[in-house]
Amino acid sequence: MEETTGLLEKIRHHDKIAIALNKNCAIPLPEDVMRILLKPHRLSFYYFQYIEKGTATFKTDLKEFTITDGELAFGLPNQIFTKLPYDKNTPQYALSFDENTLKLLPGSYPFLINPFNVNSISFDLASRQRIKNLLSGLFQLLHAPGKQKKAEVILAHLHTLLIEYNTAYFEQYQDQETMPGSKLSKYIAFKLAVETTLTEQHDVQHIAEKLALTSNTLYGIVKEFAGISPKEWITNRLILEAQRKLQYSTISVKELAYELGFTDPGYFSRLFKKSTGKSVSRYLAELQDLSRE
């Protein structure tokens, strides 16, 4: 598995903002960058690929999916992202920016917490046209000859684009009747709290207190949105992180357990088997078998 720390600095298209936008592969990428991007890589930035016409297939963590005309694939920091081979002549836009750029924007974009655990967004015809115009305009601003455009102008376009993405995400995946906004905001806060303390704190009561909720209230919210309890959600997230590390690095079970915040490697091994149906050793053996195919 390839790491991408520092990669955005090599391809950024603005001196003051860590942002890169390519249209139809028109901007050649350095060979060392291409070598990383053609393999499974851990994202250190936000990545969005909009397909204007055609298809493209991706793998995010352990899930493969395909997008087609007028759809968007996205990857978030720390996700393992793979872009499978596709036609380079496909009309498309590839956008990347980092956390520092996100902090400069005037709004909040809850879809970047990805509460519904998806990595693609579809758009209606009117939205497609707006998104194409926004991406085209942003590309022109970043690559226009002469004096570089002011950061405020770039950020304004990016803000509008993310509002479009955010709106379409929730229109596509959120059931407005059964998922009120206040509960959704708490669910998003729960996911964020888990992410920020993933290897430090696995206690549901602690997270509930941090969110100013009772354990029962938090249970009801997570159960409504995810269909499982908060404890199960945290466990699934930890096991996913374990699978990421096992799939893309060599690490002992004991080291992996400690990295994920477990003080008892034996308990971690039992939890892994209960969650995946396989022991860690069997999981690794099957990965090796797949790599030989």
Protein backbone atom coordinates (compact mmCIF):
# COMPACT_ATOMS: atom_id res chain seq x y z
CA MET A 1 0.00 0.00 0.00
CA GLU A 2 1.34 3.40 -1.02
CA GLU A 3 1.30 6.45 1.23
CA THR A 4 0.37 9.83 -0.25
CA THR A 5 1.69 12.19 2.43
CA GLY A 6 3.24 15.14 0.59
CA LEU A 7 1.87 14.05 -2.78
CA LEU A 8 -0.57 16.95 -3.12
CA GLU A 9 2.33 19.38 -2.74
CA LYS A 10 3.82 17.94 -5.93
CA ILE A 11 0.69 18.44 -8.03
CA ARG A 12 -1.04 21.48 -6.50
CA HIS A 13 -2.23 24.17 -8.89
CA HIS A 14 -2.21 27.20 -6.60
CA ASP A 15 0.59 28.74 -4.55
CA LYS A 16 -1.52 29.63 -1.50
CA ILE A 17 -4.11 26.84 -1.54
CA ALA A 18 -3.33 23.11 -1.60
CA ILE A 19 -5.70 22.26 -4.45
CA ALA A 20 -5.35 20.40 -7.75
CA LEU A 21 -7.89 20.08 -10.54
CA ASN A 22 -7.31 18.15 -13.74
CA LYS A 23 -9.62 18.03 -16.74
CA ASN A 24 -9.56 15.03 -19.09
CA CYS A 25 -6.01 14.23 -17.92
CA ALA A 26 -4.83 17.43 -19.66
CA ILE A 27 -2.23 18.21 -16.98
CA PRO A 28 0.52 15.55 -17.01
CA LEU A 29 1.42 14.15 -13.60
CA PRO A 30 5.01 13.39 -12.53
CA GLU A 31 6.03 9.76 -13.01
CA ASP A 32 6.61 9.18 -9.29
CA VAL A 33 3.10 10.47 -8.54
CA MET A 34 1.56 8.24 -11.21
CA ARG A 35 3.31 5.18 -9.78
CA ILE A 36 1.62 5.83 -6.43
CA LEU A 37 -1.82 6.61 -7.83
CA LEU A 38 -1.94 3.47 -9.98
CA LYS A 39 -1.62 1.32 -6.86
CA PRO A 40 -3.78 1.09 -3.74
CA HIS A 41 -2.90 4.22 -1.74
CA ARG A 42 -3.90 5.74 1.58
CA LEU A 43 -5.34 9.17 0.93
CA SER A 44 -3.88 12.08 2.87
CA PHE A 45 -6.31 14.51 1.20
CA TYR A 46 -9.85 14.69 -0.19
CA TYR A 47 -10.29 13.32 -3.70
CA PHE A 48 -13.24 13.68 -6.11
CA GLN A 49 -13.58 12.35 -9.63
CA TYR A 50 -16.56 13.46 -11.68
CA ILE A 51 -17.35 11.43 -14.81
CA GLU A 52 -19.10 13.55 -17.39
CA LYS A 53 -19.64 10.66 -19.80
CA GLY A 54 -18.44 7.06 -19.60
CA THR A 55 -17.68 4.71 -16.72
CA ALA A 56 -14.93 4.26 -14.15
CA THR A 57 -14.45 1.71 -11.38
CA PHE A 58 -12.87 2.36 -7.99
CA LYS A 59 -12.16 0.51 -4.79
CA THR A 60 -12.46 2.31 -1.46
CA ASP A 61 -11.09 0.27 1.42
CA LEU A 62 -12.54 -3.18 0.67
CA LYS A 63 -15.53 -2.08 -1.44
CA GLU A 64 -15.53 -1.88 -5.25
CA PHE A 65 -18.00 0.34 -7.09
CA THR A 66 -18.54 1.79 -10.57
CA ILE A 67 -19.79 5.23 -11.56
CA THR A 68 -21.14 6.33 -14.91
CA ASP A 69 -22.49 9.42 -16.72
CA GLY A 70 -22.93 12.38 -14.39
CA GLU A 71 -21.75 10.63 -11.24
CA LEU A 72 -19.05 11.38 -8.70
CA ALA A 73 -16.62 9.09 -6.87
CA PHE A 74 -14.90 10.43 -3.78
CA GLY A 75 -12.30 9.33 -1.27
CA LEU A 76 -11.60 10.78 2.17
CA PRO A 77 -8.37 11.15 4.18
CA ASN A 78 -7.13 7.82 5.60
CA GLN A 79 -9.23 5.73 3.24
CA ILE A 80 -7.44 3.20 1.05
CA PHE A 81 -8.30 4.26 -2.49
CA THR A 82 -7.70 2.49 -5.80
CA LYS A 83 -8.62 3.72 -9.25
CA LEU A 84 -8.96 0.68 -11.50
CA PRO A 85 -7.87 0.91 -15.18
CA TYR A 86 -10.21 2.98 -17.33
CA ASP A 87 -10.32 4.82 -20.64
CA LYS A 88 -8.15 7.94 -20.35
CA ASN A 89 -10.31 9.60 -23.01
CA THR A 90 -13.31 9.58 -20.67
CA PRO A 91 -14.50 13.20 -20.15
CA GLN A 92 -13.82 13.78 -16.46
CA TYR A 93 -12.56 16.10 -13.73
CA ALA A 94 -10.25 15.03 -10.89
CA LEU A 95 -10.20 17.36 -7.87
CA SER A 96 -7.98 17.14 -4.78
CA PHE A 97 -7.55 19.41 -1.77
CA ASP A 98 -6.34 19.02 1.81
CA GLU A 99 -7.70 19.61 5.29
CA ASN A 100 -6.10 23.05 5.52
CA THR A 101 -7.93 24.14 2.38
CA LEU A 102 -11.19 22.83 3.83
CA LYS A 103 -10.65 24.96 6.95
CA LEU A 104 -10.49 28.09 4.76
CA LEU A 105 -13.97 27.53 3.35
CA PRO A 106 -16.96 29.45 4.78
CA GLY A 107 -19.35 26.52 5.20
CA SER A 108 -19.65 23.05 6.66
CA TYR A 109 -20.16 20.00 4.45
CA PRO A 110 -21.50 17.08 6.52
CA PHE A 111 -21.23 14.65 3.61
CA LEU A 112 -17.45 14.68 4.16
CA ILE A 113 -18.09 12.77 7.39
CA ASN A 114 -19.84 10.25 5.10
CA PRO A 115 -22.58 9.19 7.55
CA PHE A 116 -24.04 6.68 5.08
CA ASN A 117 -20.71 4.95 4.29
CA VAL A 118 -20.90 5.44 0.52
CA ASN A 119 -18.34 6.82 -1.92
CA SER A 120 -20.40 7.87 -4.92
CA ILE A 121 -23.02 10.51 -5.65
CA SER A 122 -25.51 10.78 -8.50
CA PHE A 123 -26.91 14.06 -9.85
CA ASP A 124 -30.03 15.06 -11.76
CA LEU A 125 -29.66 16.70 -15.19
CA ALA A 126 -29.86 20.27 -13.88
CA SER A 127 -27.25 19.58 -11.18
CA ARG A 128 -24.94 17.95 -13.73
CA GLN A 129 -24.92 21.10 -15.80
CA ARG A 130 -24.19 23.31 -12.78
CA ILE A 131 -21.40 20.99 -11.62
CA LYS A 132 -19.84 20.89 -15.08
CA ASN A 133 -19.92 24.69 -15.21
CA LEU A 134 -18.39 24.99 -11.73
CA LEU A 135 -15.62 22.50 -12.47
CA SER A 136 -14.90 24.07 -15.84
CA GLY A 137 -14.78 27.54 -14.30
CA LEU A 138 -12.54 26.41 -11.46
CA PHE A 139 -10.21 24.67 -13.92
CA GLN A 140 -9.93 27.85 -15.97
CA LEU A 141 -9.22 29.92 -12.87
CA LEU A 142 -6.46 27.58 -11.70
CA HIS A 143 -4.82 27.20 -15.09
CA ALA A 144 -5.35 30.57 -16.73
CA PRO A 145 -2.11 32.11 -18.05
CA GLY A 146 -0.70 35.17 -16.36
CA LYS A 147 -1.15 36.30 -12.79
CA GLN A 148 -2.57 33.71 -10.42
CA LYS A 149 -6.17 34.25 -9.35
CA LYS A 150 -6.77 35.33 -5.76
CA ALA A 151 -7.36 32.60 -3.22
CA GLU A 152 -10.75 34.07 -2.28
CA VAL A 153 -12.04 33.53 -5.81
CA ILE A 154 -10.84 29.92 -5.90
CA LEU A 155 -12.35 29.20 -2.47
CA ALA A 156 -15.70 30.73 -3.47
CA HIS A 157 -15.96 28.37 -6.44
CA LEU A 158 -14.89 25.39 -4.34
CA HIS A 159 -17.45 26.27 -1.66
CA THR A 160 -20.28 26.35 -4.20
CA LEU A 161 -19.15 23.05 -5.66
CA LEU A 162 -19.09 21.34 -2.26
CA ILE A 163 -22.57 22.68 -1.50
CA GLU A 164 -23.77 20.95 -4.69
CA TYR A 165 -22.08 17.71 -3.66
CA ASN A 166 -23.41 17.93 -0.11
CA THR A 167 -26.99 18.61 -1.25
CA ALA A 168 -27.01 15.75 -3.76
CA TYR A 169 -25.47 13.34 -1.24
CA PHE A 170 -28.23 13.84 1.32
CA GLU A 171 -31.00 14.00 -1.29
CA GLN A 172 -29.82 10.64 -2.59
CA TYR A 173 -29.22 8.79 0.67
CA GLN A 174 -31.24 10.49 3.40
CA ASP A 175 -34.87 9.55 4.06
CA GLN A 176 -36.26 12.92 5.11
CA GLU A 177 -39.28 11.42 6.91
CA THR A 178 -37.39 9.07 9.21
CA MET A 179 -34.11 10.90 9.69
CA PRO A 180 -34.63 14.37 11.21
CA GLY A 181 -31.73 16.79 10.93
CA SER A 182 -31.07 16.98 14.66
CA LYS A 183 -30.58 13.24 14.91
CA LEU A 184 -28.47 13.23 11.77
CA SER A 185 -26.19 15.89 13.23
CA LYS A 186 -25.71 13.75 16.35
CA TYR A 187 -25.01 10.67 14.24
CA ILE A 188 -22.42 12.61 12.26
CA ALA A 189 -20.91 13.86 15.53
CA PHE A 190 -20.76 10.25 16.77
CA LYS A 191 -18.91 9.13 13.64
CA LEU A 192 -16.49 12.03 13.93
CA ALA A 193 -15.87 11.28 17.63
CA VAL A 194 -15.10 7.65 16.80
CA GLU A 195 -12.71 8.65 14.02
CA THR A 196 -10.81 11.14 16.14
CA THR A 197 -10.39 8.74 19.08
CA LEU A 198 -10.37 5.45 17.18
CA THR A 199 -7.15 4.09 18.66
CA GLU A 200 -7.57 5.74 22.06
CA GLN A 201 -11.11 5.35 23.38
CA HIS A 202 -13.55 2.52 22.57
CA ASP A 203 -15.98 3.27 25.40
CA VAL A 204 -19.52 4.11 24.29
CA GLN A 205 -20.37 5.86 27.57
CA HIS A 206 -17.39 8.21 27.16
CA ILE A 207 -18.46 9.13 23.62
CA ALA A 208 -22.09 9.63 24.70
CA GLU A 209 -20.98 12.03 27.44
CA LYS A 210 -18.78 13.89 24.97
CA LEU A 211 -21.84 14.40 22.75
CA ALA A 212 -24.01 15.45 25.74
CA LEU A 213 -26.22 12.39 25.26
CA THR A 214 -27.26 9.50 27.44
CA SER A 215 -26.09 6.05 26.37
CA ASN A 216 -29.68 5.09 25.58
CA THR A 217 -30.22 8.14 23.38
CA LEU A 218 -26.97 7.52 21.50
CA TYR A 219 -27.98 3.87 21.07
CA GLY A 220 -31.31 4.92 19.53
CA ILE A 221 -29.69 7.37 17.10
CA VAL A 222 -26.97 5.01 15.86
CA LYS A 223 -29.46 2.13 15.63
CA GLU A 224 -31.79 4.27 13.50
CA PHE A 225 -29.12 5.38 11.05
CA ALA A 226 -26.79 2.39 10.94
CA GLY A 227 -29.04 -0.48 12.00
CA ILE A 228 -26.57 -1.58 14.69
CA SER A 229 -25.59 -0.48 18.19
CA PRO A 230 -22.84 2.09 18.87
CA LYS A 231 -20.61 -0.68 20.25
CA GLU A 232 -21.09 -2.75 17.10
CA TRP A 233 -20.41 0.31 14.94
CA ILE A 234 -17.14 1.03 16.74
CA THR A 235 -16.15 -2.63 16.54
CA ASN A 236 -16.88 -2.73 12.79
CA ARG A 237 -14.83 0.43 12.28
CA LEU A 238 -11.90 -1.03 14.22
CA ILE A 239 -12.05 -4.29 12.27
CA LEU A 240 -12.14 -2.35 9.00
CA GLU A 241 -9.01 -0.48 10.10
CA ALA A 242 -7.41 -3.82 10.98
CA GLN A 243 -8.26 -5.19 7.52
CA ARG A 244 -6.80 -2.07 5.92
CA LYS A 245 -3.54 -2.53 7.76
CA LEU A 246 -3.36 -6.28 7.14
CA GLN A 247 -4.10 -5.87 3.45
CA TYR A 248 -1.56 -3.19 2.74
CA SER A 249 1.25 -3.68 5.27
CA THR A 250 3.14 -6.36 7.15
CA ILE A 251 2.44 -6.21 10.86
CA SER A 252 2.16 -8.76 13.66
CA VAL A 253 -1.13 -9.44 15.42
CA LYS A 254 0.27 -8.07 18.67
CA GLU A 255 1.51 -4.86 17.01
CA LEU A 256 -1.80 -4.45 15.21
CA ALA A 257 -3.78 -4.90 18.42
CA TYR A 258 -1.71 -2.28 20.26
CA GLU A 259 -1.90 0.16 17.31
CA LEU A 260 -5.69 -0.07 17.42
CA GLY A 261 -5.83 0.62 21.15
CA PHE A 262 -6.36 -2.92 22.44
CA THR A 263 -4.40 -3.87 25.54
CA ASP A 264 -5.11 -7.58 25.07
CA PRO A 265 -4.00 -9.01 21.67
CA GLY A 266 -5.88 -12.22 22.45
CA TYR A 267 -9.16 -10.34 22.84
CA PHE A 268 -8.49 -8.50 19.58
CA SER A 269 -7.89 -11.81 17.77
CA ARG A 270 -11.16 -13.24 19.07
CA LEU A 271 -13.03 -10.07 18.09
CA PHE A 272 -11.52 -10.15 14.59
CA LYS A 273 -12.64 -13.76 14.08
CA LYS A 274 -16.11 -13.08 15.44
CA SER A 275 -16.53 -10.08 13.11
CA THR A 276 -15.03 -11.54 9.92
CA GLY A 277 -15.58 -15.25 10.42
CA LYS A 278 -11.85 -15.77 9.92
CA SER A 279 -8.80 -15.78 12.14
CA VAL A 280 -6.14 -13.19 11.40
CA SER A 281 -3.81 -15.92 10.11
CA ARG A 282 -6.47 -17.29 7.76
CA TYR A 283 -7.32 -13.79 6.55
CA LEU A 284 -3.65 -13.18 5.75
CA ALA A 285 -3.34 -16.56 4.02
CA GLU A 286 -6.32 -15.77 1.78
CA LEU A 287 -4.83 -12.39 0.92
CA GLN A 288 -1.61 -14.08 -0.13
CA ASP A 289 -3.55 -16.56 -2.25
CA LEU A 290 -5.34 -13.70 -3.99
CA SER A 291 -2.05 -11.91 -4.70
CA ARG A 292 -0.79 -15.00 -6.53
CA GLU A 293 -3.75 -15.15 -8.91
